[in-house]
Amino acid sequence: MRFKGTTLRKIRDFFEWLIDIRPSHETIREWINEIGRKYKKNRTKTSGSGIYSYDEQYLYIGGKKHYRLCLKDVVTGKTVNERIV
């Protein structure tokens, strides 16, 4: 749901209509700030730089040819995903 351009008092009225509570506009501001902090914290943990490199290696496992496919974040050096097929 999006409240672009909506005042905090209108959001309060929406809460009253939806779930029959009437928090103050300052409480709603705190809720929004808290959600924003949690989102930012989680986002920085899981998001990458956006610059990735791909590598493949040829392997022989049990006499059969396999491929190791690897996707790596160039900036952080972390492996995003790898798979042997």
Protein backbone atom coordinates (compact mmCIF):
# COMPACT_ATOMS: atom_id res chain seq x y z
CA MET A 1 0.00 0.00 0.00
CA ARG A 2 1.28 3.45 -0.82
CA PHE A 3 0.52 6.78 0.85
CA LYS A 4 2.47 9.17 -1.37
CA GLY A 5 1.56 12.73 -0.51
CA THR A 6 -0.74 11.69 2.34
CA THR A 7 -0.55 13.39 5.71
CA LEU A 8 0.11 11.44 8.89
CA ARG A 9 -3.29 12.49 10.21
CA LYS A 10 -5.00 10.98 7.15
CA ILE A 11 -3.08 7.76 7.76
CA ARG A 12 -4.33 7.88 11.38
CA ASP A 13 -7.91 8.16 10.09
CA PHE A 14 -7.25 5.19 7.81
CA PHE A 15 -6.10 3.11 10.80
CA GLU A 16 -9.22 4.12 12.66
CA TRP A 17 -11.39 3.02 9.73
CA LEU A 18 -9.43 -0.19 9.11
CA ILE A 19 -8.74 -1.61 12.59
CA ASP A 20 -10.50 0.79 14.94
CA ILE A 21 -7.40 2.30 16.56
CA ARG A 22 -6.44 5.97 16.57
CA PRO A 23 -2.69 6.40 17.12
CA SER A 24 -1.26 9.91 17.22
CA HIS A 25 0.42 11.24 14.10
CA GLU A 26 3.75 11.22 15.99
CA THR A 27 3.34 7.51 16.76
CA ILE A 28 2.77 6.85 13.07
CA ARG A 29 5.91 8.86 12.24
CA GLU A 30 7.89 6.67 14.67
CA TRP A 31 6.43 3.51 13.11
CA ILE A 32 7.50 4.67 9.65
CA ASN A 33 11.01 5.57 10.86
CA GLU A 34 11.38 2.21 12.62
CA ILE A 35 10.28 0.29 9.53
CA GLY A 36 12.71 2.35 7.44
CA ARG A 37 15.62 1.57 9.77
CA LYS A 38 14.83 -2.16 9.73
CA TYR A 39 14.52 -2.16 5.94
CA LYS A 40 17.81 -0.31 5.49
CA LYS A 41 19.59 -2.62 7.93
CA ASN A 42 18.34 -5.76 6.16
CA ARG A 43 18.92 -4.32 2.73
CA THR A 44 22.60 -3.57 3.31
CA LYS A 45 23.17 -7.09 4.61
CA THR A 46 21.75 -8.86 1.59
CA SER A 47 22.25 -6.52 -1.34
CA GLY A 48 25.33 -6.63 -3.51
CA SER A 49 27.16 -3.97 -5.42
CA GLY A 50 25.40 -4.77 -8.69
CA ILE A 51 28.67 -5.60 -10.47
CA TYR A 52 29.07 -9.34 -10.92
CA SER A 53 31.44 -11.67 -12.68
CA TYR A 54 30.77 -15.17 -13.96
CA ASP A 55 33.23 -18.04 -13.98
CA GLU A 56 33.04 -21.65 -15.00
CA GLN A 57 35.41 -24.49 -14.31
CA TYR A 58 35.52 -27.91 -15.89
CA LEU A 59 35.64 -30.75 -13.40
CA TYR A 60 35.86 -34.52 -13.64
CA ILE A 61 33.94 -36.24 -10.87
CA GLY A 62 33.90 -40.01 -10.97
CA GLY A 63 35.24 -39.94 -14.53
CA LYS A 64 32.34 -37.76 -15.75
CA LYS A 65 32.67 -34.20 -16.96
CA HIS A 66 30.92 -31.57 -14.80
CA TYR A 67 30.88 -27.80 -14.71
CA ARG A 68 31.25 -25.55 -11.68
CA LEU A 69 29.34 -22.33 -12.35
CA CYS A 70 30.10 -19.40 -10.05
CA LEU A 71 28.57 -15.92 -9.78
CA LYS A 72 30.71 -13.53 -7.75
CA ASP A 73 30.30 -9.91 -6.61
CA VAL A 74 33.29 -8.03 -8.03
CA VAL A 75 33.34 -5.24 -5.42
CA THR A 76 32.90 -7.27 -2.23
CA GLY A 77 34.53 -10.46 -3.51
CA LYS A 78 31.69 -12.57 -2.09
CA THR A 79 30.31 -15.56 -3.93
CA VAL A 80 26.66 -14.92 -4.73
CA ASN A 81 25.86 -18.42 -5.96
CA GLU A 82 27.63 -21.48 -7.26
CA ARG A 83 26.48 -24.75 -8.68
CA ILE A 84 27.98 -27.93 -10.06
CA VAL A 85 26.10 -29.28 -13.07
